[in-house]
C-alpha atoms as a PDB file:
ATOM      1  CA  UNK A   1     -33.999   4.597  -3.546  1.00  0.00           C
ATOM      2  CA  UNK A   2     -34.894   3.400  -7.025  1.00  0.00           C
ATOM      3  CA  UNK A   3     -35.382  -0.258  -7.861  1.00  0.00           C
ATOM      4  CA  UNK A   4     -31.998  -0.548  -9.667  1.00  0.00           C
ATOM      5  CA  UNK A   5     -30.223   1.002  -6.668  1.00  0.00           C
ATOM      6  CA  UNK A   6     -31.870  -1.477  -4.294  1.00  0.00           C
ATOM      7  CA  UNK A   7     -30.998  -4.364  -6.620  1.00  0.00           C
ATOM      8  CA  UNK A   8     -27.368  -3.238  -6.874  1.00  0.00           C
ATOM      9  CA  UNK A   9     -27.105  -2.944  -3.094  1.00  0.00           C
ATOM     10  CA  UNK A  10     -28.579  -6.432  -2.619  1.00  0.00           C
ATOM     11  CA  UNK A  11     -26.126  -7.910  -5.134  1.00  0.00           C
ATOM     12  CA  UNK A  12     -23.205  -6.169  -3.410  1.00  0.00           C
ATOM     13  CA  UNK A  13     -24.390  -7.454  -0.020  1.00  0.00           C
ATOM     14  CA  UNK A  14     -24.683 -10.998  -1.326  1.00  0.00           C
ATOM     15  CA  UNK A  15     -21.250 -10.737  -2.948  1.00  0.00           C
ATOM     16  CA  UNK A  16     -19.582  -9.873   0.360  1.00  0.00           C
ATOM     17  CA  UNK A  17     -21.409 -12.685   2.169  1.00  0.00           C
ATOM     18  CA  UNK A  18     -20.416 -15.227  -0.497  1.00  0.00           C
ATOM     19  CA  UNK A  19     -16.837 -13.958  -0.277  1.00  0.00           C
ATOM     20  CA  UNK A  20     -16.871 -14.640   3.451  1.00  0.00           C
ATOM     21  CA  UNK A  21     -18.264 -18.119   2.820  1.00  0.00           C
ATOM     22  CA  UNK A  22     -15.663 -18.952   0.185  1.00  0.00           C
ATOM     23  CA  UNK A  23     -12.593 -17.268   1.652  1.00  0.00           C
ATOM     24  CA  UNK A  24     -13.205 -16.768   5.359  1.00  0.00           C
ATOM     25  CA  UNK A  25     -13.191 -20.393   6.369  1.00  0.00           C
ATOM     26  CA  UNK A  26     -10.285 -21.141   4.054  1.00  0.00           C
ATOM     27  CA  UNK A  27      -8.174 -18.491   5.797  1.00  0.00           C
ATOM     28  CA  UNK A  28      -9.345 -19.190   9.331  1.00  0.00           C
ATOM     29  CA  UNK A  29      -9.767 -22.938   9.731  1.00  0.00           C
ATOM     30  CA  UNK A  30      -6.153 -24.039   9.086  1.00  0.00           C
ATOM     31  CA  UNK A  31      -4.900 -21.547  11.663  1.00  0.00           C
ATOM     32  CA  UNK A  32      -6.876 -23.327  14.373  1.00  0.00           C
ATOM     33  CA  UNK A  33      -4.598 -26.334  13.907  1.00  0.00           C
ATOM     34  CA  UNK A  34      -1.979 -24.339  15.818  1.00  0.00           C
ATOM     35  CA  UNK A  35      -3.404 -23.984  19.308  1.00  0.00           C
ATOM     36  CA  UNK A  36      -1.958 -20.596  20.081  1.00  0.00           C
ATOM     37  CA  UNK A  37      -5.011 -18.617  18.883  1.00  0.00           C
ATOM     38  CA  UNK A  38      -8.588 -19.305  19.992  1.00  0.00           C
ATOM     39  CA  UNK A  39     -11.475 -19.368  17.523  1.00  0.00           C
ATOM     40  CA  UNK A  40     -12.951 -16.144  18.887  1.00  0.00           C
ATOM     41  CA  UNK A  41      -9.625 -14.315  18.762  1.00  0.00           C
ATOM     42  CA  UNK A  42      -8.925 -15.583  15.236  1.00  0.00           C
ATOM     43  CA  UNK A  43     -12.335 -14.411  13.991  1.00  0.00           C
ATOM     44  CA  UNK A  44     -11.830 -11.018  15.632  1.00  0.00           C
ATOM     45  CA  UNK A  45      -8.343 -10.545  14.140  1.00  0.00           C
ATOM     46  CA  UNK A  46      -9.476 -11.531  10.649  1.00  0.00           C
ATOM     47  CA  UNK A  47     -12.587  -9.328  10.756  1.00  0.00           C
ATOM     48  CA  UNK A  48     -10.774  -6.253  12.074  1.00  0.00           C
ATOM     49  CA  UNK A  49      -7.913  -6.528   9.578  1.00  0.00           C
ATOM     50  CA  UNK A  50     -10.282  -7.089   6.653  1.00  0.00           C
ATOM     51  CA  UNK A  51     -11.751  -3.682   7.497  1.00  0.00           C
ATOM     52  CA  UNK A  52      -8.539  -1.858   8.440  1.00  0.00           C
ATOM     53  CA  UNK A  53      -6.103  -3.136   5.821  1.00  0.00           C
ATOM     54  CA  UNK A  54      -7.515  -1.185   2.828  1.00  0.00           C
ATOM     55  CA  UNK A  55      -7.442   2.019   4.887  1.00  0.00           C
ATOM     56  CA  UNK A  56      -3.819   1.417   5.931  1.00  0.00           C
ATOM     57  CA  UNK A  57      -2.443  -0.011   2.682  1.00  0.00           C
ATOM     58  CA  UNK A  58      -4.428   1.790  -0.016  1.00  0.00           C
ATOM     59  CA  UNK A  59      -7.086   0.792  -2.550  1.00  0.00           C
ATOM     60  CA  UNK A  60      -5.048  -0.025  -5.664  1.00  0.00           C
ATOM     61  CA  UNK A  61      -6.606  -3.482  -6.031  1.00  0.00           C
ATOM     62  CA  UNK A  62     -10.139  -2.110  -5.600  1.00  0.00           C
ATOM     63  CA  UNK A  63      -9.477   0.434  -8.352  1.00  0.00           C
ATOM     64  CA  UNK A  64      -8.262  -2.343 -10.641  1.00  0.00           C
ATOM     65  CA  UNK A  65     -11.557  -4.166 -10.233  1.00  0.00           C
ATOM     66  CA  UNK A  66     -13.752  -1.076 -10.449  1.00  0.00           C
ATOM     67  CA  UNK A  67     -12.109   0.697 -13.388  1.00  0.00           C
ATOM     68  CA  UNK A  68      -9.162  -1.043 -15.032  1.00  0.00           C
ATOM     69  CA  UNK A  69     -10.623  -4.370 -16.176  1.00  0.00           C
ATOM     70  CA  UNK A  70     -13.798  -3.065 -17.793  1.00  0.00           C
ATOM     71  CA  UNK A  71     -14.714   0.602 -18.173  1.00  0.00           C
ATOM     72  CA  UNK A  72     -18.369   0.661 -17.154  1.00  0.00           C
ATOM     73  CA  UNK A  73     -19.882   3.943 -18.397  1.00  0.00           C
ATOM     74  CA  UNK A  74     -23.212   5.407 -17.337  1.00  0.00           C
ATOM     75  CA  UNK A  75     -26.377   3.611 -16.258  1.00  0.00           C
ATOM     76  CA  UNK A  76     -25.891   0.778 -18.752  1.00  0.00           C
ATOM     77  CA  UNK A  77     -22.369   0.283 -17.503  1.00  0.00           C
ATOM     78  CA  UNK A  78     -23.479   0.073 -13.870  1.00  0.00           C
ATOM     79  CA  UNK A  79     -26.085  -2.497 -14.839  1.00  0.00           C
ATOM     80  CA  UNK A  80     -23.475  -4.565 -16.704  1.00  0.00           C
ATOM     81  CA  UNK A  81     -21.090  -4.342 -13.751  1.00  0.00           C
ATOM     82  CA  UNK A  82     -23.583  -5.805 -11.326  1.00  0.00           C
ATOM     83  CA  UNK A  83     -24.714  -8.426 -13.814  1.00  0.00           C
ATOM     84  CA  UNK A  84     -21.081  -9.537 -13.995  1.00  0.00           C
ATOM     85  CA  UNK A  85     -20.793  -9.591 -10.205  1.00  0.00           C
ATOM     86  CA  UNK A  86     -24.000 -11.633 -10.021  1.00  0.00           C
ATOM     87  CA  UNK A  87     -22.495 -14.143 -12.447  1.00  0.00           C
ATOM     88  CA  UNK A  88     -19.428 -14.466 -10.230  1.00  0.00           C
ATOM     89  CA  UNK A  89     -21.684 -15.012  -7.205  1.00  0.00           C
ATOM     90  CA  UNK A  90     -23.518 -17.850  -8.936  1.00  0.00           C
ATOM     91  CA  UNK A  91     -20.316 -19.707  -9.846  1.00  0.00           C
ATOM     92  CA  UNK A  92     -18.468 -19.154  -6.543  1.00  0.00           C
ATOM     93  CA  UNK A  93     -21.571 -19.875  -4.487  1.00  0.00           C
ATOM     94  CA  UNK A  94     -22.176 -23.162  -6.283  1.00  0.00           C
ATOM     95  CA  UNK A  95     -18.600 -24.346  -5.787  1.00  0.00           C
ATOM     96  CA  UNK A  96     -18.452 -23.159  -2.168  1.00  0.00           C
ATOM     97  CA  UNK A  97     -21.678 -24.981  -1.361  1.00  0.00           C
ATOM     98  CA  UNK A  98     -20.052 -28.179  -2.586  1.00  0.00           C
ATOM     99  CA  UNK A  99     -17.080 -27.569  -0.292  1.00  0.00           C
ATOM    100  CA  UNK A 100     -14.664 -26.584  -3.078  1.00  0.00           C
ATOM    101  CA  UNK A 101     -12.993 -23.225  -2.376  1.00  0.00           C
ATOM    102  CA  UNK A 102     -12.268 -21.532  -5.668  1.00  0.00           C
ATOM    103  CA  UNK A 103     -10.656 -18.300  -6.806  1.00  0.00           C
ATOM    104  CA  UNK A 104     -12.863 -15.265  -6.332  1.00  0.00           C
ATOM    105  CA  UNK A 105     -10.450 -13.324  -8.522  1.00  0.00           C
ATOM    106  CA  UNK A 106     -11.044 -15.665 -11.452  1.00  0.00           C
ATOM    107  CA  UNK A 107     -14.801 -15.521 -10.916  1.00  0.00           C
ATOM    108  CA  UNK A 108     -14.954 -11.726 -10.827  1.00  0.00           C
ATOM    109  CA  UNK A 109     -12.586 -11.263 -13.764  1.00  0.00           C
ATOM    110  CA  UNK A 110     -14.639 -13.746 -15.788  1.00  0.00           C
ATOM    111  CA  UNK A 111     -17.996 -12.300 -14.756  1.00  0.00           C
ATOM    112  CA  UNK A 112     -17.012  -8.682 -15.424  1.00  0.00           C
ATOM    113  CA  UNK A 113     -15.340  -9.508 -18.740  1.00  0.00           C
ATOM    114  CA  UNK A 114     -18.324 -11.549 -19.951  1.00  0.00           C
ATOM    115  CA  UNK A 115     -20.839  -8.898 -18.948  1.00  0.00           C
ATOM    116  CA  UNK A 116     -18.724  -6.121 -20.445  1.00  0.00           C
ATOM    117  CA  UNK A 117     -18.272  -7.986 -23.701  1.00  0.00           C
ATOM    118  CA  UNK A 118     -21.971  -8.800 -24.082  1.00  0.00           C
ATOM    119  CA  UNK A 119     -23.081  -5.262 -23.231  1.00  0.00           C
ATOM    120  CA  UNK A 120     -20.590  -3.469 -25.462  1.00  0.00           C
ATOM    121  CA  UNK A 121     -18.450  -2.021 -22.651  1.00  0.00           C
ATOM    122  CA  UNK A 122     -14.681  -1.592 -23.256  1.00  0.00           C
ATOM    123  CA  UNK A 123     -12.828  -4.613 -21.856  1.00  0.00           C
ATOM    124  CA  UNK A 124      -9.102  -4.190 -21.091  1.00  0.00           C
ATOM    125  CA  UNK A 125      -8.094  -7.656 -22.287  1.00  0.00           C
ATOM    126  CA  UNK A 126      -4.375  -7.011 -21.812  1.00  0.00           C
ATOM    127  CA  UNK A 127      -4.851  -6.059 -18.164  1.00  0.00           C
ATOM    128  CA  UNK A 128      -7.274  -8.931 -17.616  1.00  0.00           C
ATOM    129  CA  UNK A 129      -4.658 -11.285 -19.034  1.00  0.00           C
ATOM    130  CA  UNK A 130      -2.012  -9.815 -16.727  1.00  0.00           C
ATOM    131  CA  UNK A 131      -4.308 -10.312 -13.738  1.00  0.00           C
ATOM    132  CA  UNK A 132      -4.910 -13.926 -14.759  1.00  0.00           C
ATOM    133  CA  UNK A 133      -1.186 -14.547 -15.272  1.00  0.00           C
ATOM    134  CA  UNK A 134      -0.436 -13.116 -11.826  1.00  0.00           C
ATOM    135  CA  UNK A 135      -3.155 -15.314 -10.343  1.00  0.00           C
ATOM    136  CA  UNK A 136      -1.739 -18.396 -12.068  1.00  0.00           C
ATOM    137  CA  UNK A 137       1.744 -17.700 -10.716  1.00  0.00           C
ATOM    138  CA  UNK A 138       0.551 -17.035  -7.146  1.00  0.00           C
ATOM    139  CA  UNK A 139       0.129 -20.687  -6.050  1.00  0.00           C
ATOM    140  CA  UNK A 140       3.427 -21.637  -7.696  1.00  0.00           C
ATOM    141  CA  UNK A 141       5.316 -18.846  -5.945  1.00  0.00           C
ATOM    142  CA  UNK A 142       3.497 -19.700  -2.720  1.00  0.00           C
ATOM    143  CA  UNK A 143       4.568 -23.326  -3.026  1.00  0.00           C
ATOM    144  CA  UNK A 144       8.185 -22.346  -3.576  1.00  0.00           C
ATOM    145  CA  UNK A 145       8.192 -19.919  -0.668  1.00  0.00           C
ATOM    146  CA  UNK A 146       6.599 -22.457   1.686  1.00  0.00           C
ATOM    147  CA  UNK A 147       9.168 -25.049   0.653  1.00  0.00           C
ATOM    148  CA  UNK A 148      11.916 -22.541   1.516  1.00  0.00           C
ATOM    149  CA  UNK A 149      10.391 -21.668   4.902  1.00  0.00           C
ATOM    150  CA  UNK A 150      10.108 -25.379   5.696  1.00  0.00           C
ATOM    151  CA  UNK A 151      13.785 -25.790   4.896  1.00  0.00           C
ATOM    152  CA  UNK A 152      14.626 -23.008   7.373  1.00  0.00           C
ATOM    153  CA  UNK A 153      12.593 -24.720  10.090  1.00  0.00           C
ATOM    154  CA  UNK A 154      14.698 -27.843   9.566  1.00  0.00           C
ATOM    155  CA  UNK A 155      17.501 -25.944  11.313  1.00  0.00           C
ATOM    156  CA  UNK A 156      15.456 -25.694  14.500  1.00  0.00           C
ATOM    157  CA  UNK A 157      16.234 -28.606  16.857  1.00  0.00           C
ATOM    158  CA  UNK A 158      13.475 -31.165  17.154  1.00  0.00           C
ATOM    159  CA  UNK A 159      11.445 -31.427  20.328  1.00  0.00           C
ATOM    160  CA  UNK A 160      10.107 -28.692  22.588  1.00  0.00           C
ATOM    161  CA  UNK A 161      12.201 -26.001  20.874  1.00  0.00           C
ATOM    162  CA  UNK A 162      10.541 -26.711  17.542  1.00  0.00           C
ATOM    163  CA  UNK A 163       7.045 -26.600  19.035  1.00  0.00           C
ATOM    164  CA  UNK A 164       7.714 -23.262  20.711  1.00  0.00           C
ATOM    165  CA  UNK A 165       9.279 -21.806  17.558  1.00  0.00           C
ATOM    166  CA  UNK A 166       6.255 -22.810  15.454  1.00  0.00           C
ATOM    167  CA  UNK A 167       3.811 -21.439  18.038  1.00  0.00           C
ATOM    168  CA  UNK A 168       5.584 -18.095  18.336  1.00  0.00           C
ATOM    169  CA  UNK A 169       5.906 -17.757  14.575  1.00  0.00           C
ATOM    170  CA  UNK A 170       2.209 -18.461  14.177  1.00  0.00           C
ATOM    171  CA  UNK A 171       1.319 -15.542  16.455  1.00  0.00           C
ATOM    172  CA  UNK A 172       2.961 -13.298  13.847  1.00  0.00           C
ATOM    173  CA  UNK A 173       2.102 -15.261  10.709  1.00  0.00           C
ATOM    174  CA  UNK A 174      -1.656 -15.428  11.241  1.00  0.00           C
ATOM    175  CA  UNK A 175      -2.234 -11.647  11.679  1.00  0.00           C
ATOM    176  CA  UNK A 176       0.074 -11.075   8.700  1.00  0.00           C
ATOM    177  CA  UNK A 177      -2.052 -13.470   6.642  1.00  0.00           C
ATOM    178  CA  UNK A 178      -5.238 -11.662   7.703  1.00  0.00           C
ATOM    179  CA  UNK A 179      -3.689  -8.313   6.790  1.00  0.00           C
ATOM    180  CA  UNK A 180      -2.661  -9.708   3.411  1.00  0.00           C
ATOM    181  CA  UNK A 181      -6.202 -10.905   2.814  1.00  0.00           C
ATOM    182  CA  UNK A 182      -7.556  -7.454   3.675  1.00  0.00           C
ATOM    183  CA  UNK A 183      -5.232  -5.584   1.313  1.00  0.00           C
ATOM    184  CA  UNK A 184      -6.094  -7.838  -1.623  1.00  0.00           C
ATOM    185  CA  UNK A 185      -9.290  -9.910  -1.442  1.00  0.00           C
ATOM    186  CA  UNK A 186     -10.876  -7.438   0.953  1.00  0.00           C
ATOM    187  CA  UNK A 187     -10.588  -4.747  -1.678  1.00  0.00           C
ATOM    188  CA  UNK A 188     -12.722  -6.718  -4.128  1.00  0.00           C
ATOM    189  CA  UNK A 189     -15.576  -6.490  -1.650  1.00  0.00           C
ATOM    190  CA  UNK A 190     -14.872  -2.813  -1.105  1.00  0.00           C
ATOM    191  CA  UNK A 191     -14.964  -2.100  -4.850  1.00  0.00           C
ATOM    192  CA  UNK A 192     -18.363  -3.750  -5.276  1.00  0.00           C
ATOM    193  CA  UNK A 193     -19.831  -1.964  -2.247  1.00  0.00           C
ATOM    194  CA  UNK A 194     -18.440   1.357  -3.485  1.00  0.00           C
ATOM    195  CA  UNK A 195     -20.023   0.811  -6.912  1.00  0.00           C
ATOM    196  CA  UNK A 196     -23.371  -0.013  -5.291  1.00  0.00           C
ATOM    197  CA  UNK A 197     -23.416   3.125  -3.149  1.00  0.00           C
ATOM    198  CA  UNK A 198     -21.964   5.628  -5.641  1.00  0.00           C
ATOM    199  CA  UNK A 199     -24.225   7.546  -7.995  1.00  0.00           C
ATOM    200  CA  UNK A 200     -22.967   7.703 -11.563  1.00  0.00           C
ATOM    201  CA  UNK A 201     -19.682   6.307 -12.830  1.00  0.00           C
ATOM    202  CA  UNK A 202     -17.219   5.177 -10.165  1.00  0.00           C
ATOM    203  CA  UNK A 203     -13.838   6.756 -10.883  1.00  0.00           C
ATOM    204  CA  UNK A 204     -11.952   5.987  -7.667  1.00  0.00           C
ATOM    205  CA  UNK A 205     -12.490   3.708  -4.681  1.00  0.00           C
ATOM    206  CA  UNK A 206     -11.829   5.219  -1.266  1.00  0.00           C
ATOM    207  CA  UNK A 207     -11.590   3.488   2.097  1.00  0.00           C
ATOM    208  CA  UNK A 208     -14.467   5.305   3.798  1.00  0.00           C
ATOM    209  CA  UNK A 209     -15.397   4.160   7.350  1.00  0.00           C
ATOM    210  CA  UNK A 210     -19.041   3.204   6.681  1.00  0.00           C
ATOM    211  CA  UNK A 211     -18.379   0.866   3.701  1.00  0.00           C
ATOM    212  CA  UNK A 212     -15.477  -0.726   5.597  1.00  0.00           C
ATOM    213  CA  UNK A 213     -17.674  -1.390   8.630  1.00  0.00           C
ATOM    214  CA  UNK A 214     -20.482  -2.807   6.477  1.00  0.00           C
ATOM    215  CA  UNK A 215     -17.971  -4.969   4.618  1.00  0.00           C
ATOM    216  CA  UNK A 216     -16.565  -6.400   7.865  1.00  0.00           C
ATOM    217  CA  UNK A 217     -19.999  -7.239   9.288  1.00  0.00           C
ATOM    218  CA  UNK A 218     -21.228  -8.932   6.108  1.00  0.00           C
ATOM    219  CA  UNK A 219     -17.925 -10.767   5.691  1.00  0.00           C
ATOM    220  CA  UNK A 220     -18.050 -12.260   9.192  1.00  0.00           C
ATOM    221  CA  UNK A 221     -21.630 -13.387   8.520  1.00  0.00           C
ATOM    222  CA  UNK A 222     -20.458 -15.242   5.420  1.00  0.00           C
ATOM    223  CA  UNK A 223     -17.508 -16.644   7.352  1.00  0.00           C
ATOM    224  CA  UNK A 224     -19.866 -18.106   9.939  1.00  0.00           C
ATOM    225  CA  UNK A 225     -21.992 -19.689   7.216  1.00  0.00           C
ATOM    226  CA  UNK A 226     -19.083 -21.181   5.263  1.00  0.00           C
ATOM    227  CA  UNK A 227     -16.427 -21.989   7.853  1.00  0.00           C
ATOM    228  CA  UNK A 228     -16.964 -25.743   7.888  1.00  0.00           C
ATOM    229  CA  UNK A 229     -17.253 -26.275   4.129  1.00  0.00           C
ATOM    230  CA  UNK A 230     -14.525 -23.904   2.932  1.00  0.00           C
ATOM    231  CA  UNK A 231     -12.108 -24.682   5.748  1.00  0.00           C
ATOM    232  CA  UNK A 232     -12.172 -28.389   4.986  1.00  0.00           C
ATOM    233  CA  UNK A 233     -11.488 -27.670   1.329  1.00  0.00           C
ATOM    234  CA  UNK A 234      -7.875 -26.562   1.670  1.00  0.00           C
ATOM    235  CA  UNK A 235      -5.176 -27.828   4.012  1.00  0.00           C
ATOM    236  CA  UNK A 236      -7.089 -30.753   5.449  1.00  0.00           C
ATOM    237  CA  UNK A 237      -7.743 -32.130   1.985  1.00  0.00           C
ATOM    238  CA  UNK A 238      -4.311 -31.488   0.545  1.00  0.00           C
ATOM    239  CA  UNK A 239      -2.286 -33.245   3.245  1.00  0.00           C
ATOM    240  CA  UNK A 240      -2.323 -34.337   6.879  1.00  0.00           C
ATOM    241  CA  UNK A 241      -1.868 -30.824   8.240  1.00  0.00           C
ATOM    242  CA  UNK A 242       0.582 -30.229  11.072  1.00  0.00           C
ATOM    243  CA  UNK A 243       1.271 -26.878  12.803  1.00  0.00           C
ATOM    244  CA  UNK A 244       4.520 -26.476  10.870  1.00  0.00           C
ATOM    245  CA  UNK A 245       2.630 -26.774   7.553  1.00  0.00           C
ATOM    246  CA  UNK A 246       0.165 -24.114   8.663  1.00  0.00           C
ATOM    247  CA  UNK A 247       2.827 -21.599   9.663  1.00  0.00           C
ATOM    248  CA  UNK A 248       4.884 -21.998   6.499  1.00  0.00           C
ATOM    249  CA  UNK A 249       1.793 -21.831   4.284  1.00  0.00           C
ATOM    250  CA  UNK A 250       0.616 -18.675   6.101  1.00  0.00           C
ATOM    251  CA  UNK A 251       3.952 -16.910   5.677  1.00  0.00           C
ATOM    252  CA  UNK A 252       4.255 -17.901   2.025  1.00  0.00           C
ATOM    253  CA  UNK A 253       0.699 -16.901   1.104  1.00  0.00           C
ATOM    254  CA  UNK A 254       0.931 -13.590   2.979  1.00  0.00           C
ATOM    255  CA  UNK A 255       4.127 -12.661   1.158  1.00  0.00           C
ATOM    256  CA  UNK A 256       2.664 -13.472  -2.264  1.00  0.00           C
ATOM    257  CA  UNK A 257      -0.607 -11.636  -1.664  1.00  0.00           C
ATOM    258  CA  UNK A 258       0.927  -8.490  -0.147  1.00  0.00           C
ATOM    259  CA  UNK A 259       3.492  -8.314  -2.941  1.00  0.00           C
ATOM    260  CA  UNK A 260       0.762  -8.583  -5.572  1.00  0.00           C
ATOM    261  CA  UNK A 261      -1.357  -5.933  -3.829  1.00  0.00           C
ATOM    262  CA  UNK A 262       1.591  -3.522  -3.841  1.00  0.00           C
ATOM    263  CA  UNK A 263       1.556  -3.816  -7.634  1.00  0.00           C
ATOM    264  CA  UNK A 264      -2.211  -3.323  -7.778  1.00  0.00           C
ATOM    265  CA  UNK A 265      -2.681  -6.910  -8.948  1.00  0.00           C
ATOM    266  CA  UNK A 266      -5.541  -8.892  -7.412  1.00  0.00           C
ATOM    267  CA  UNK A 267      -4.728 -12.506  -6.553  1.00  0.00           C
ATOM    268  CA  UNK A 268      -6.658 -15.180  -4.712  1.00  0.00           C
ATOM    269  CA  UNK A 269      -5.790 -15.997  -1.117  1.00  0.00           C
ATOM    270  CA  UNK A 270      -7.272 -19.482  -1.513  1.00  0.00           C
ATOM    271  CA  UNK A 271      -4.943 -20.164  -4.441  1.00  0.00           C
ATOM    272  CA  UNK A 272      -1.917 -18.794  -2.595  1.00  0.00           C
ATOM    273  CA  UNK A 273      -2.705 -20.772   0.557  1.00  0.00           C
ATOM    274  CA  UNK A 274      -3.245 -23.970  -1.405  1.00  0.00           C
ATOM    275  CA  UNK A 275       0.146 -23.496  -3.046  1.00  0.00           C
ATOM    276  CA  UNK A 276       1.673 -22.869   0.372  1.00  0.00           C
ATOM    277  CA  UNK A 277       0.298 -26.111   1.785  1.00  0.00           C
ATOM    278  CA  UNK A 278       1.543 -28.085  -1.213  1.00  0.00           C
ATOM    279  CA  UNK A 279       5.017 -26.566  -0.908  1.00  0.00           C
ATOM    280  CA  UNK A 280       5.144 -27.241   2.839  1.00  0.00           C
ATOM    281  CA  UNK A 281       4.108 -30.851   2.306  1.00  0.00           C
ATOM    282  CA  UNK A 282       6.538 -31.410  -0.560  1.00  0.00           C
ATOM    283  CA  UNK A 283       9.440 -30.581   1.732  1.00  0.00           C
ATOM    284  CA  UNK A 284       8.657 -33.832   3.565  1.00  0.00           C
ATOM    285  CA  UNK A 285       8.152 -35.853   0.394  1.00  0.00           C
ATOM    286  CA  UNK A 286       5.836 -35.944  -2.605  1.00  0.00           C
ATOM    287  CA  UNK A 287       3.859 -38.790  -1.074  1.00  0.00           C
ATOM    288  CA  UNK A 288       2.700 -36.479   1.708  1.00  0.00           C
ATOM    289  CA  UNK A 289       0.518 -34.603  -0.804  1.00  0.00           C
ATOM    290  CA  UNK A 290      -2.955 -35.863  -1.662  1.00  0.00           C
ATOM    291  CA  UNK A 291      -2.621 -35.218  -5.374  1.00  0.00           C
ATOM    292  CA  UNK A 292      -6.187 -36.212  -6.156  1.00  0.00           C
ATOM    293  CA  UNK A 293      -7.413 -33.353  -3.954  1.00  0.00           C
ATOM    294  CA  UNK A 294      -4.880 -30.986  -5.548  1.00  0.00           C
ATOM    295  CA  UNK A 295      -6.230 -31.843  -8.996  1.00  0.00           C
ATOM    296  CA  UNK A 296      -9.821 -31.378  -7.825  1.00  0.00           C
ATOM    297  CA  UNK A 297      -9.124 -27.871  -6.550  1.00  0.00           C
ATOM    298  CA  UNK A 298      -7.093 -27.038  -9.673  1.00  0.00           C
ATOM    299  CA  UNK A 299      -9.994 -28.171 -11.845  1.00  0.00           C
ATOM    300  CA  UNK A 300     -12.304 -25.887  -9.868  1.00  0.00           C
ATOM    301  CA  UNK A 301      -9.998 -22.976 -10.704  1.00  0.00           C
ATOM    302  CA  UNK A 302      -9.932 -23.926 -14.387  1.00  0.00           C
ATOM    303  CA  UNK A 303     -13.713 -24.186 -14.515  1.00  0.00           C
ATOM    304  CA  UNK A 304     -14.316 -20.925 -12.635  1.00  0.00           C
ATOM    305  CA  UNK A 305     -13.061 -18.471 -15.269  1.00  0.00           C
ATOM    306  CA  UNK A 306     -14.923 -19.732 -18.361  1.00  0.00           C
ATOM    307  CA  UNK A 307     -18.019 -20.497 -16.315  1.00  0.00           C
ATOM    308  CA  UNK A 308     -18.130 -16.991 -14.874  1.00  0.00           C
ATOM    309  CA  UNK A 309     -17.459 -15.443 -18.261  1.00  0.00           C
ATOM    310  CA  UNK A 310     -20.282 -17.400 -19.887  1.00  0.00           C
ATOM    311  CA  UNK A 311     -22.719 -16.757 -17.033  1.00  0.00           C
ATOM    312  CA  UNK A 312     -21.880 -13.040 -17.036  1.00  0.00           C
ATOM    313  CA  UNK A 313     -22.244 -12.787 -20.817  1.00  0.00           C
ATOM    314  CA  UNK A 314     -25.502 -14.756 -20.842  1.00  0.00           C
ATOM    315  CA  UNK A 315     -26.964 -12.665 -18.018  1.00  0.00           C
ATOM    316  CA  UNK A 316     -25.954  -9.388 -19.683  1.00  0.00           C
ATOM    317  CA  UNK A 317     -27.465 -10.552 -22.988  1.00  0.00           C
ATOM    318  CA  UNK A 318     -30.703 -11.574 -21.259  1.00  0.00           C
ATOM    319  CA  UNK A 319     -30.938  -8.226 -19.470  1.00  0.00           C
ATOM    320  CA  UNK A 320     -30.333  -6.418 -22.765  1.00  0.00           C
ATOM    321  CA  UNK A 321     -33.148  -8.343 -24.453  1.00  0.00           C
ATOM    322  CA  UNK A 322     -35.489  -7.730 -21.518  1.00  0.00           C
ATOM    323  CA  UNK A 323     -34.928  -3.990 -21.789  1.00  0.00           C
END
C-alpha cells in the first residue's frame, strides 16, 4: 500500500471510532434506564444492527455522503475528501471529549464542503442546504412525535400496568432505534470506509460484508471509549429521565431517522434523540426541562458546522500549499 492509501485508511478507522464515541453512548446509555435490557445485550443489539441495517435497508445515505454533497474527482479529490473527514473528526472529537454530543452530520457536511471549496472540487450547495434543513427539522419533529407518544401513554392506567406497558414497548423500541441508527448514521461510517478501500473515484457505496464487519468492530471500540461521556450528555442532562421518557424518545427518534433515510437524507441520531427527550419532558410541563442544558447542546450544534467547514477548508489549503 502507498503512503496516501495508509493515511486514508487510518483516517477512516479513526472516523468510525470517533463516531462510536460520539453516538454510541448517546444511543445506548438512556436505554439502560429501562431495566428490561442488560448492558451486554444492548451493546450486542446495537453493534449487530449497525452492521446489518445498511445491508437490509440500502445505502442511499452513504451515497449522499460519498457522491452527492461534493464530487471528489481523481487523486486530488480523494485527498480533499479525507482532509474534510479529518476536519470533522477534529471538531467532533473535541466536543465529545468535553462530554457534549454533537451532530456528526453537521460535522461531515461542514468538513467535506470546506475541503471541497478550498480544493476546487464541485460542491452541491443546494443539496448540502437540503441536508442541513432536514437535520434542523429532525429534533423538532422528534420533539413533536415524543410529545404525541407521551399523550398516548397517558391513556394507560397508572401503576403496575403502566410499568409493564413501558417495559414491553422498550423491548421493541430499542432495537428499532438501533436499526434506525444503522440505516442512517451507520452509513456515514460505511461511506468513509468504502472511500478508503476503493481505488479511484467512488461512484457507488455497496454493503459488502468485510467493510460492514470492520465498521461494527471499530464502532463498538469507540462506544466503549465514549459511553460515559456521550451518554451523560443527552437525556440525563436534559431532564430527570424516567423509563417513559426513554421509550417515547426512542420511538420518536427512530421514526424520524428511518423516514429521513428512506429519502436518502442523512440526519443525526443525537439531534433526533435530544428532541425526543425534550418532547417527552414537555408533556409533563416546561419546568421539567433543563433549558440551560438544551441551550448548551444547541450551541454545540451551531458551532459544529462553521467550525468543521473552516477546519476542512484550512486543512485543504495547507495540504495544497505543501504539495
